[in-house]
């Protein structure tokens, strides 16, 4: 039986890969970068060939609809995003083309996740956890390595293939938000420290920008992402969606994993005002387990303007 700990180590050391449930959208045409710049949260009108960036697609209230991993090869811009509800994405974007010289095409390329090195020339290098140009990080950087790539391939490589759970464990340890796992209908970029890599605060208008700027400059996000060390002494492990309790429900788990060094860990979204360092998790069985909370996004995130 495969050893999950060894699978995580193999992946982290660049000796394995994971096939991702992601899709690729190809954007072509001379107006592609300016068009993308108008609709996404990242500055894309001057994207250089082979430069990797992350961007968010927001609704008019500034809620996160999708995260995109983006790079350009000087002729085509590649948009990598999660497969869930992907069939609704293409017509939604096509309605925004108007007169722009842009064409959209769904690719049949597979998306492969790996560490240390890409597995093909067509690849995206994750900027996380660095704070990119125009970005802003509210909290501290995670203390683990995250040298992660997503490569586009026509066939799977010959290296060892490991399940998504191996990547999830490494991602949770790196505090890396990930669509669709961390996203719900209320998600705001500030709650996940996504302003660090996926938002350019100095670019022009895009849908949701007013909310992004208002919360960053004058307000505070109602929730925030935290890291949890879970009690693993029982037989049942927490799962995504489990409620976090401190007298009342204060949040929910978004991603959970069993890390090869840290043991049971999770990402969770809780109320911004949460002060407790120890909380309880209500499992699906009704059993309660304890968890230690570590801050990712601080309670005072937002409101950076000194009035």
C-alpha atoms as a PDB file:
ATOM      1  CA  UNK A   1       0.000   0.000   0.000  1.00  0.00           C
ATOM      2  CA  UNK A   2       1.456   3.429  -0.936  1.00  0.00           C
ATOM      3  CA  UNK A   3       2.846   5.469   1.924  1.00  0.00           C
ATOM      4  CA  UNK A   4       1.296   8.990   1.926  1.00  0.00           C
ATOM      5  CA  UNK A   5       4.290  10.447   3.798  1.00  0.00           C
ATOM      6  CA  UNK A   6       6.732   9.147   1.189  1.00  0.00           C
ATOM      7  CA  UNK A   7       4.470  10.428  -1.595  1.00  0.00           C
ATOM      8  CA  UNK A   8       4.542  13.930  -0.118  1.00  0.00           C
ATOM      9  CA  UNK A   9       8.329  13.829   0.208  1.00  0.00           C
ATOM     10  CA  UNK A  10       8.745  12.590  -3.362  1.00  0.00           C
ATOM     11  CA  UNK A  11       6.509  15.374  -4.645  1.00  0.00           C
ATOM     12  CA  UNK A  12       8.212  18.073  -2.578  1.00  0.00           C
ATOM     13  CA  UNK A  13      11.680  16.931  -3.694  1.00  0.00           C
ATOM     14  CA  UNK A  14      10.766  17.060  -7.395  1.00  0.00           C
ATOM     15  CA  UNK A  15      10.644  13.286  -7.858  1.00  0.00           C
ATOM     16  CA  UNK A  16       6.901  12.982  -8.475  1.00  0.00           C
ATOM     17  CA  UNK A  17       3.960  14.846  -9.960  1.00  0.00           C
ATOM     18  CA  UNK A  18       0.216  15.136  -9.447  1.00  0.00           C
ATOM     19  CA  UNK A  19      -2.414  15.372 -12.181  1.00  0.00           C
ATOM     20  CA  UNK A  20      -4.743  18.265 -11.354  1.00  0.00           C
ATOM     21  CA  UNK A  21      -8.473  18.623 -11.901  1.00  0.00           C
ATOM     22  CA  UNK A  22      -7.932  21.839 -13.821  1.00  0.00           C
ATOM     23  CA  UNK A  23      -8.743  23.215 -17.245  1.00  0.00           C
ATOM     24  CA  UNK A  24      -6.892  25.534 -19.607  1.00  0.00           C
ATOM     25  CA  UNK A  25      -8.424  28.420 -21.537  1.00  0.00           C
ATOM     26  CA  UNK A  26      -6.452  29.883 -24.445  1.00  0.00           C
ATOM     27  CA  UNK A  27      -6.830  33.608 -25.128  1.00  0.00           C
ATOM     28  CA  UNK A  28      -5.555  34.844 -28.487  1.00  0.00           C
ATOM     29  CA  UNK A  29      -5.674  38.072 -30.464  1.00  0.00           C
ATOM     30  CA  UNK A  30      -3.814  41.367 -30.392  1.00  0.00           C
ATOM     31  CA  UNK A  31      -6.051  42.811 -27.644  1.00  0.00           C
ATOM     32  CA  UNK A  32      -5.829  39.786 -25.341  1.00  0.00           C
ATOM     33  CA  UNK A  33      -3.668  41.348 -22.614  1.00  0.00           C
ATOM     34  CA  UNK A  34      -5.497  44.668 -22.428  1.00  0.00           C
ATOM     35  CA  UNK A  35      -8.826  42.804 -22.422  1.00  0.00           C
ATOM     36  CA  UNK A  36      -7.723  40.522 -19.585  1.00  0.00           C
ATOM     37  CA  UNK A  37      -6.373  43.531 -17.711  1.00  0.00           C
ATOM     38  CA  UNK A  38      -9.832  45.098 -17.815  1.00  0.00           C
ATOM     39  CA  UNK A  39     -11.613  42.157 -16.214  1.00  0.00           C
ATOM     40  CA  UNK A  40      -9.145  40.586 -13.760  1.00  0.00           C
ATOM     41  CA  UNK A  41      -7.578  41.837 -10.525  1.00  0.00           C
ATOM     42  CA  UNK A  42      -3.967  41.575 -11.728  1.00  0.00           C
ATOM     43  CA  UNK A  43      -2.091  43.978 -14.013  1.00  0.00           C
ATOM     44  CA  UNK A  44      -1.856  42.073 -17.291  1.00  0.00           C
ATOM     45  CA  UNK A  45      -1.581  44.673 -20.055  1.00  0.00           C
ATOM     46  CA  UNK A  46       2.226  44.553 -19.877  1.00  0.00           C
ATOM     47  CA  UNK A  47       2.621  40.825 -19.167  1.00  0.00           C
ATOM     48  CA  UNK A  48       5.971  39.630 -20.473  1.00  0.00           C
ATOM     49  CA  UNK A  49       6.414  36.322 -22.341  1.00  0.00           C
ATOM     50  CA  UNK A  50       6.823  33.418 -19.898  1.00  0.00           C
ATOM     51  CA  UNK A  51       6.064  35.642 -16.894  1.00  0.00           C
ATOM     52  CA  UNK A  52       3.823  33.837 -14.399  1.00  0.00           C
ATOM     53  CA  UNK A  53       1.125  35.739 -12.523  1.00  0.00           C
ATOM     54  CA  UNK A  54      -1.977  34.980 -10.500  1.00  0.00           C
ATOM     55  CA  UNK A  55      -5.269  36.838 -10.920  1.00  0.00           C
ATOM     56  CA  UNK A  56      -8.775  36.767  -9.477  1.00  0.00           C
ATOM     57  CA  UNK A  57     -12.094  37.163 -11.214  1.00  0.00           C
ATOM     58  CA  UNK A  58     -14.464  39.039  -8.915  1.00  0.00           C
ATOM     59  CA  UNK A  59     -18.167  39.855  -8.931  1.00  0.00           C
ATOM     60  CA  UNK A  60     -19.418  43.436  -8.630  1.00  0.00           C
ATOM     61  CA  UNK A  61     -19.331  43.193  -4.808  1.00  0.00           C
ATOM     62  CA  UNK A  62     -15.668  42.113  -4.867  1.00  0.00           C
ATOM     63  CA  UNK A  63     -16.334  38.455  -4.010  1.00  0.00           C
ATOM     64  CA  UNK A  64     -13.947  35.895  -5.506  1.00  0.00           C
ATOM     65  CA  UNK A  65     -15.485  33.837  -8.317  1.00  0.00           C
ATOM     66  CA  UNK A  66     -12.291  32.161  -9.569  1.00  0.00           C
ATOM     67  CA  UNK A  67      -8.543  32.235  -9.260  1.00  0.00           C
ATOM     68  CA  UNK A  68      -6.467  32.004 -12.440  1.00  0.00           C
ATOM     69  CA  UNK A  69      -2.847  30.992 -12.994  1.00  0.00           C
ATOM     70  CA  UNK A  70      -1.682  32.907 -16.059  1.00  0.00           C
ATOM     71  CA  UNK A  71       1.275  33.054 -18.424  1.00  0.00           C
ATOM     72  CA  UNK A  72       1.799  34.188 -22.025  1.00  0.00           C
ATOM     73  CA  UNK A  73       4.056  32.852 -24.793  1.00  0.00           C
ATOM     74  CA  UNK A  74       3.942  36.079 -26.866  1.00  0.00           C
ATOM     75  CA  UNK A  75       1.088  34.763 -29.037  1.00  0.00           C
ATOM     76  CA  UNK A  76      -1.308  33.085 -26.616  1.00  0.00           C
ATOM     77  CA  UNK A  77      -2.254  33.730 -22.998  1.00  0.00           C
ATOM     78  CA  UNK A  78      -2.862  30.567 -20.990  1.00  0.00           C
ATOM     79  CA  UNK A  79      -5.442  30.674 -18.196  1.00  0.00           C
ATOM     80  CA  UNK A  80      -5.313  27.731 -15.780  1.00  0.00           C
ATOM     81  CA  UNK A  81      -8.253  27.370 -13.417  1.00  0.00           C
ATOM     82  CA  UNK A  82     -10.215  24.715 -11.534  1.00  0.00           C
ATOM     83  CA  UNK A  83     -12.517  22.427 -13.526  1.00  0.00           C
ATOM     84  CA  UNK A  84     -15.610  22.852 -11.351  1.00  0.00           C
ATOM     85  CA  UNK A  85     -18.341  24.685 -13.328  1.00  0.00           C
ATOM     86  CA  UNK A  86     -15.815  25.337 -16.095  1.00  0.00           C
ATOM     87  CA  UNK A  87     -18.519  24.927 -18.763  1.00  0.00           C
ATOM     88  CA  UNK A  88     -20.082  28.141 -17.443  1.00  0.00           C
ATOM     89  CA  UNK A  89     -16.830  30.098 -17.644  1.00  0.00           C
ATOM     90  CA  UNK A  90     -16.379  30.302 -21.421  1.00  0.00           C
ATOM     91  CA  UNK A  91     -19.777  31.856 -22.241  1.00  0.00           C
ATOM     92  CA  UNK A  92     -19.441  34.225 -19.263  1.00  0.00           C
ATOM     93  CA  UNK A  93     -16.124  35.530 -20.578  1.00  0.00           C
ATOM     94  CA  UNK A  94     -17.274  35.607 -24.188  1.00  0.00           C
ATOM     95  CA  UNK A  95     -20.038  38.017 -23.211  1.00  0.00           C
ATOM     96  CA  UNK A  96     -17.320  40.448 -22.092  1.00  0.00           C
ATOM     97  CA  UNK A  97     -15.380  40.477 -25.362  1.00  0.00           C
ATOM     98  CA  UNK A  98     -17.495  43.144 -27.135  1.00  0.00           C
ATOM     99  CA  UNK A  99     -15.317  44.688 -29.881  1.00  0.00           C
ATOM    100  CA  UNK A 100     -11.950  43.560 -28.561  1.00  0.00           C
ATOM    101  CA  UNK A 101      -9.790  41.557 -30.969  1.00  0.00           C
ATOM    102  CA  UNK A 102      -9.814  38.469 -28.794  1.00  0.00           C
ATOM    103  CA  UNK A 103     -10.669  34.812 -29.311  1.00  0.00           C
ATOM    104  CA  UNK A 104     -11.241  32.213 -26.572  1.00  0.00           C
ATOM    105  CA  UNK A 105     -10.603  28.508 -26.937  1.00  0.00           C
ATOM    106  CA  UNK A 106     -10.744  25.583 -24.519  1.00  0.00           C
ATOM    107  CA  UNK A 107      -7.550  23.523 -24.621  1.00  0.00           C
ATOM    108  CA  UNK A 108      -7.316  19.755 -24.135  1.00  0.00           C
ATOM    109  CA  UNK A 109      -3.913  20.060 -22.450  1.00  0.00           C
ATOM    110  CA  UNK A 110      -3.529  18.313 -19.090  1.00  0.00           C
ATOM    111  CA  UNK A 111      -2.352  20.259 -16.028  1.00  0.00           C
ATOM    112  CA  UNK A 112       0.434  18.704 -13.944  1.00  0.00           C
ATOM    113  CA  UNK A 113       1.596  19.944 -10.537  1.00  0.00           C
ATOM    114  CA  UNK A 114       5.240  19.529  -9.519  1.00  0.00           C
ATOM    115  CA  UNK A 115       7.918  21.008  -7.265  1.00  0.00           C
ATOM    116  CA  UNK A 116      11.487  22.195  -7.884  1.00  0.00           C
ATOM    117  CA  UNK A 117      11.160  22.057 -11.688  1.00  0.00           C
ATOM    118  CA  UNK A 118       8.431  22.084 -14.358  1.00  0.00           C
ATOM    119  CA  UNK A 119       7.747  19.031 -16.491  1.00  0.00           C
ATOM    120  CA  UNK A 120       7.275  20.929 -19.775  1.00  0.00           C
ATOM    121  CA  UNK A 121       8.249  24.188 -21.457  1.00  0.00           C
ATOM    122  CA  UNK A 122       4.648  25.394 -21.156  1.00  0.00           C
ATOM    123  CA  UNK A 123       4.412  26.053 -17.445  1.00  0.00           C
ATOM    124  CA  UNK A 124       3.354  28.441 -14.691  1.00  0.00           C
ATOM    125  CA  UNK A 125       5.615  29.221 -11.718  1.00  0.00           C
ATOM    126  CA  UNK A 126       3.704  30.045  -8.547  1.00  0.00           C
ATOM    127  CA  UNK A 127       4.710  33.447  -7.116  1.00  0.00           C
ATOM    128  CA  UNK A 128       3.438  32.454  -3.642  1.00  0.00           C
ATOM    129  CA  UNK A 129       4.433  33.396  -0.961  1.00  0.00           C
ATOM    130  CA  UNK A 130       6.345  36.421  -2.294  1.00  0.00           C
ATOM    131  CA  UNK A 131       4.511  39.736  -2.421  1.00  0.00           C
ATOM    132  CA  UNK A 132       4.409  40.655  -6.098  1.00  0.00           C
ATOM    133  CA  UNK A 133       4.555  44.150  -7.602  1.00  0.00           C
ATOM    134  CA  UNK A 134       1.418  46.088  -6.704  1.00  0.00           C
ATOM    135  CA  UNK A 135       0.480  43.548  -4.033  1.00  0.00           C
ATOM    136  CA  UNK A 136       0.187  43.731  -0.254  1.00  0.00           C
ATOM    137  CA  UNK A 137       0.619  41.070   2.429  1.00  0.00           C
ATOM    138  CA  UNK A 138      -1.145  41.546   5.763  1.00  0.00           C
ATOM    139  CA  UNK A 139       0.435  38.640   7.629  1.00  0.00           C
ATOM    140  CA  UNK A 140       3.807  36.933   7.766  1.00  0.00           C
ATOM    141  CA  UNK A 141       5.122  34.478   5.187  1.00  0.00           C
ATOM    142  CA  UNK A 142       4.751  30.742   5.836  1.00  0.00           C
ATOM    143  CA  UNK A 143       7.911  29.061   7.044  1.00  0.00           C
ATOM    144  CA  UNK A 144       7.865  26.099   4.644  1.00  0.00           C
ATOM    145  CA  UNK A 145       9.207  25.812   1.100  1.00  0.00           C
ATOM    146  CA  UNK A 146       6.761  26.268  -1.774  1.00  0.00           C
ATOM    147  CA  UNK A 147       8.650  26.034  -5.064  1.00  0.00           C
ATOM    148  CA  UNK A 148       5.648  24.968  -7.097  1.00  0.00           C
ATOM    149  CA  UNK A 149       4.917  24.690 -10.844  1.00  0.00           C
ATOM    150  CA  UNK A 150       1.929  23.849 -13.010  1.00  0.00           C
ATOM    151  CA  UNK A 151       2.878  22.423 -16.409  1.00  0.00           C
ATOM    152  CA  UNK A 152       0.719  21.869 -19.494  1.00  0.00           C
ATOM    153  CA  UNK A 153       1.231  18.523 -21.240  1.00  0.00           C
ATOM    154  CA  UNK A 154      -0.398  16.332 -23.859  1.00  0.00           C
ATOM    155  CA  UNK A 155       0.590  13.120 -22.044  1.00  0.00           C
ATOM    156  CA  UNK A 156       1.556  12.295 -18.478  1.00  0.00           C
ATOM    157  CA  UNK A 157       5.304  12.154 -17.700  1.00  0.00           C
ATOM    158  CA  UNK A 158       7.058   8.919 -16.805  1.00  0.00           C
ATOM    159  CA  UNK A 159       7.851  10.045 -13.254  1.00  0.00           C
ATOM    160  CA  UNK A 160       5.956   8.801 -10.203  1.00  0.00           C
ATOM    161  CA  UNK A 161       2.338   9.961 -10.042  1.00  0.00           C
ATOM    162  CA  UNK A 162       0.939  10.738  -6.584  1.00  0.00           C
ATOM    163  CA  UNK A 163      -2.638  11.581  -5.547  1.00  0.00           C
ATOM    164  CA  UNK A 164      -3.958  15.093  -4.996  1.00  0.00           C
ATOM    165  CA  UNK A 165      -3.913  14.479  -1.219  1.00  0.00           C
ATOM    166  CA  UNK A 166      -0.099  14.702  -1.296  1.00  0.00           C
ATOM    167  CA  UNK A 167      -0.226  18.157  -2.849  1.00  0.00           C
ATOM    168  CA  UNK A 168      -3.017  19.256  -0.510  1.00  0.00           C
ATOM    169  CA  UNK A 169      -0.879  18.449   2.521  1.00  0.00           C
ATOM    170  CA  UNK A 170       2.001  20.557   1.194  1.00  0.00           C
ATOM    171  CA  UNK A 171      -0.348  23.359   0.143  1.00  0.00           C
ATOM    172  CA  UNK A 172      -2.051  23.561   3.537  1.00  0.00           C
ATOM    173  CA  UNK A 173       1.343  23.679   5.268  1.00  0.00           C
ATOM    174  CA  UNK A 174       2.265  26.610   2.977  1.00  0.00           C
ATOM    175  CA  UNK A 175      -1.010  28.440   3.803  1.00  0.00           C
ATOM    176  CA  UNK A 176      -1.785  28.529   0.089  1.00  0.00           C
ATOM    177  CA  UNK A 177      -5.419  29.468  -0.777  1.00  0.00           C
ATOM    178  CA  UNK A 178      -6.779  27.419  -3.643  1.00  0.00           C
ATOM    179  CA  UNK A 179      -9.934  27.513  -5.693  1.00  0.00           C
ATOM    180  CA  UNK A 180     -12.437  26.042  -5.368  1.00  0.00           C
ATOM    181  CA  UNK A 181     -11.496  24.700  -1.917  1.00  0.00           C
ATOM    182  CA  UNK A 182     -11.163  28.015  -0.056  1.00  0.00           C
ATOM    183  CA  UNK A 183     -13.819  29.900  -2.059  1.00  0.00           C
ATOM    184  CA  UNK A 184     -17.461  30.361  -1.150  1.00  0.00           C
ATOM    185  CA  UNK A 185     -20.072  32.951  -2.116  1.00  0.00           C
ATOM    186  CA  UNK A 186     -18.758  35.384   0.540  1.00  0.00           C
ATOM    187  CA  UNK A 187     -15.029  35.167  -0.193  1.00  0.00           C
ATOM    188  CA  UNK A 188     -13.070  38.416  -0.389  1.00  0.00           C
ATOM    189  CA  UNK A 189      -9.396  38.528  -1.481  1.00  0.00           C
ATOM    190  CA  UNK A 190      -8.311  40.210   1.760  1.00  0.00           C
ATOM    191  CA  UNK A 191      -9.518  37.264   3.857  1.00  0.00           C
ATOM    192  CA  UNK A 192      -6.877  34.935   2.358  1.00  0.00           C
ATOM    193  CA  UNK A 193      -3.935  37.335   1.994  1.00  0.00           C
ATOM    194  CA  UNK A 194      -4.568  36.968  -1.755  1.00  0.00           C
ATOM    195  CA  UNK A 195      -3.659  40.619  -2.243  1.00  0.00           C
ATOM    196  CA  UNK A 196      -0.038  39.469  -1.984  1.00  0.00           C
ATOM    197  CA  UNK A 197       0.028  37.573  -5.276  1.00  0.00           C
ATOM    198  CA  UNK A 198      -3.287  37.973  -7.104  1.00  0.00           C
ATOM    199  CA  UNK A 199      -4.224  41.656  -6.830  1.00  0.00           C
ATOM    200  CA  UNK A 200      -2.477  44.748  -8.179  1.00  0.00           C
ATOM    201  CA  UNK A 201      -3.569  47.698  -6.061  1.00  0.00           C
ATOM    202  CA  UNK A 202      -2.288  50.370  -8.457  1.00  0.00           C
ATOM    203  CA  UNK A 203      -3.902  49.237 -11.721  1.00  0.00           C
ATOM    204  CA  UNK A 204      -7.000  50.660 -13.401  1.00  0.00           C
ATOM    205  CA  UNK A 205     -10.624  49.691 -12.940  1.00  0.00           C
ATOM    206  CA  UNK A 206     -11.986  46.155 -13.052  1.00  0.00           C
ATOM    207  CA  UNK A 207     -15.125  44.600 -11.685  1.00  0.00           C
ATOM    208  CA  UNK A 208     -15.005  44.496  -7.886  1.00  0.00           C
ATOM    209  CA  UNK A 209     -12.094  46.952  -7.632  1.00  0.00           C
ATOM    210  CA  UNK A 210     -14.043  49.480  -5.593  1.00  0.00           C
ATOM    211  CA  UNK A 211     -14.689  46.929  -2.846  1.00  0.00           C
ATOM    212  CA  UNK A 212     -11.070  45.726  -2.909  1.00  0.00           C
ATOM    213  CA  UNK A 213      -9.760  49.282  -2.503  1.00  0.00           C
ATOM    214  CA  UNK A 214     -12.327  50.309   0.105  1.00  0.00           C
ATOM    215  CA  UNK A 215     -11.642  47.356   2.408  1.00  0.00           C
ATOM    216  CA  UNK A 216      -7.876  47.609   1.973  1.00  0.00           C
ATOM    217  CA  UNK A 217      -7.751  51.355   2.632  1.00  0.00           C
ATOM    218  CA  UNK A 218     -10.596  52.027   5.037  1.00  0.00           C
ATOM    219  CA  UNK A 219     -12.288  48.826   6.180  1.00  0.00           C
ATOM    220  CA  UNK A 220     -11.633  45.301   7.400  1.00  0.00           C
ATOM    221  CA  UNK A 221     -12.618  41.922   5.943  1.00  0.00           C
ATOM    222  CA  UNK A 222     -15.327  40.169   8.004  1.00  0.00           C
ATOM    223  CA  UNK A 223     -13.422  36.862   8.032  1.00  0.00           C
ATOM    224  CA  UNK A 224      -9.833  35.672   7.849  1.00  0.00           C
ATOM    225  CA  UNK A 225      -7.854  32.571   6.920  1.00  0.00           C
ATOM    226  CA  UNK A 226      -6.179  30.646   9.753  1.00  0.00           C
ATOM    227  CA  UNK A 227      -3.992  27.561  10.042  1.00  0.00           C
ATOM    228  CA  UNK A 228      -5.020  24.748  12.370  1.00  0.00           C
ATOM    229  CA  UNK A 229      -3.040  22.004  14.076  1.00  0.00           C
ATOM    230  CA  UNK A 230      -5.674  19.297  14.652  1.00  0.00           C
ATOM    231  CA  UNK A 231      -5.867  16.735  17.431  1.00  0.00           C
ATOM    232  CA  UNK A 232      -5.110  13.499  15.648  1.00  0.00           C
ATOM    233  CA  UNK A 233      -5.449  11.133  18.593  1.00  0.00           C
ATOM    234  CA  UNK A 234      -8.923   9.920  17.567  1.00  0.00           C
ATOM    235  CA  UNK A 235     -10.032   7.621  14.772  1.00  0.00           C
ATOM    236  CA  UNK A 236     -11.866  10.277  12.769  1.00  0.00           C
ATOM    237  CA  UNK A 237     -10.192  13.118  10.898  1.00  0.00           C
ATOM    238  CA  UNK A 238     -11.857  16.441  10.240  1.00  0.00           C
ATOM    239  CA  UNK A 239     -13.013  17.193   6.686  1.00  0.00           C
ATOM    240  CA  UNK A 240     -13.674  20.351   4.703  1.00  0.00           C
ATOM    241  CA  UNK A 241     -16.902  21.956   5.825  1.00  0.00           C
ATOM    242  CA  UNK A 242     -16.623  20.920   9.475  1.00  0.00           C
ATOM    243  CA  UNK A 243     -17.626  23.719  11.828  1.00  0.00           C
ATOM    244  CA  UNK A 244     -15.215  25.474  14.173  1.00  0.00           C
ATOM    245  CA  UNK A 245     -16.696  26.068  17.608  1.00  0.00           C
ATOM    246  CA  UNK A 246     -15.820  28.503  20.387  1.00  0.00           C
ATOM    247  CA  UNK A 247     -19.029  28.765  22.396  1.00  0.00           C
ATOM    248  CA  UNK A 248     -20.737  29.389  19.038  1.00  0.00           C
ATOM    249  CA  UNK A 249     -19.848  28.584  15.433  1.00  0.00           C
ATOM    250  CA  UNK A 250     -17.017  30.919  14.384  1.00  0.00           C
ATOM    251  CA  UNK A 251     -16.021  29.419  11.053  1.00  0.00           C
ATOM    252  CA  UNK A 252     -15.422  26.310   8.978  1.00  0.00           C
ATOM    253  CA  UNK A 253     -12.587  24.189   7.665  1.00  0.00           C
ATOM    254  CA  UNK A 254     -11.804  24.691   3.980  1.00  0.00           C
ATOM    255  CA  UNK A 255      -8.912  22.234   3.413  1.00  0.00           C
ATOM    256  CA  UNK A 256      -7.565  19.426   5.593  1.00  0.00           C
ATOM    257  CA  UNK A 257      -4.607  17.052   5.313  1.00  0.00           C
ATOM    258  CA  UNK A 258      -2.240  14.762   7.192  1.00  0.00           C
ATOM    259  CA  UNK A 259       1.240  16.247   6.727  1.00  0.00           C
ATOM    260  CA  UNK A 260       4.353  14.073   6.815  1.00  0.00           C
ATOM    261  CA  UNK A 261       5.948  16.278   9.509  1.00  0.00           C
ATOM    262  CA  UNK A 262       3.135  18.301  11.093  1.00  0.00           C
ATOM    263  CA  UNK A 263       0.474  15.592  11.307  1.00  0.00           C
ATOM    264  CA  UNK A 264      -3.211  16.582  10.902  1.00  0.00           C
ATOM    265  CA  UNK A 265      -3.460  20.199   9.712  1.00  0.00           C
ATOM    266  CA  UNK A 266      -6.088  22.384   8.080  1.00  0.00           C
ATOM    267  CA  UNK A 267      -6.899  25.758   6.618  1.00  0.00           C
ATOM    268  CA  UNK A 268     -10.054  27.425   7.878  1.00  0.00           C
ATOM    269  CA  UNK A 269     -11.976  30.661   7.535  1.00  0.00           C
ATOM    270  CA  UNK A 270     -13.120  32.192  10.836  1.00  0.00           C
ATOM    271  CA  UNK A 271     -14.705  35.419  12.029  1.00  0.00           C
ATOM    272  CA  UNK A 272     -12.233  38.285  11.968  1.00  0.00           C
ATOM    273  CA  UNK A 273     -12.749  38.967  15.690  1.00  0.00           C
ATOM    274  CA  UNK A 274     -11.705  35.441  16.713  1.00  0.00           C
ATOM    275  CA  UNK A 275      -9.205  35.711  19.594  1.00  0.00           C
ATOM    276  CA  UNK A 276      -8.936  32.117  20.777  1.00  0.00           C
ATOM    277  CA  UNK A 277      -5.778  30.106  20.231  1.00  0.00           C
ATOM    278  CA  UNK A 278      -7.553  26.821  20.968  1.00  0.00           C
ATOM    279  CA  UNK A 279     -10.864  25.927  19.337  1.00  0.00           C
ATOM    280  CA  UNK A 280     -13.052  22.857  18.858  1.00  0.00           C
ATOM    281  CA  UNK A 281     -14.003  21.147  15.608  1.00  0.00           C
ATOM    282  CA  UNK A 282     -17.380  19.471  15.269  1.00  0.00           C
ATOM    283  CA  UNK A 283     -16.921  16.342  13.158  1.00  0.00           C
ATOM    284  CA  UNK A 284     -19.604  14.839  10.938  1.00  0.00           C
ATOM    285  CA  UNK A 285     -20.188  12.128  13.567  1.00  0.00           C
ATOM    286  CA  UNK A 286     -20.940  14.807  16.168  1.00  0.00           C
ATOM    287  CA  UNK A 287     -17.674  14.139  17.997  1.00  0.00           C
ATOM    288  CA  UNK A 288     -15.655  17.189  19.048  1.00  0.00           C
ATOM    289  CA  UNK A 289     -11.888  17.436  18.681  1.00  0.00           C
ATOM    290  CA  UNK A 290      -9.573  20.282  19.673  1.00  0.00           C
ATOM    291  CA  UNK A 291      -7.319  22.338  17.426  1.00  0.00           C
ATOM    292  CA  UNK A 292      -4.654  24.993  17.924  1.00  0.00           C
ATOM    293  CA  UNK A 293      -5.124  28.071  15.761  1.00  0.00           C
ATOM    294  CA  UNK A 294      -2.216  29.889  14.099  1.00  0.00           C
ATOM    295  CA  UNK A 295      -2.692  33.304  12.535  1.00  0.00           C
ATOM    296  CA  UNK A 296      -2.316  33.737   8.765  1.00  0.00           C
ATOM    297  CA  UNK A 297      -4.326  36.902   8.149  1.00  0.00           C
ATOM    298  CA  UNK A 298      -4.189  39.121  11.257  1.00  0.00           C
ATOM    299  CA  UNK A 299      -7.266  40.526  12.980  1.00  0.00           C
ATOM    300  CA  UNK A 300      -6.308  44.083  11.981  1.00  0.00           C
ATOM    301  CA  UNK A 301      -5.997  43.352   8.236  1.00  0.00           C
ATOM    302  CA  UNK A 302      -7.247  46.185   6.045  1.00  0.00           C
ATOM    303  CA  UNK A 303      -7.700  49.856   6.901  1.00  0.00           C
ATOM    304  CA  UNK A 304      -4.140  50.765   5.923  1.00  0.00           C
ATOM    305  CA  UNK A 305      -4.845  54.470   5.312  1.00  0.00           C
ATOM    306  CA  UNK A 306      -3.734  56.600   8.248  1.00  0.00           C
ATOM    307  CA  UNK A 307      -6.549  59.133   8.536  1.00  0.00           C
END
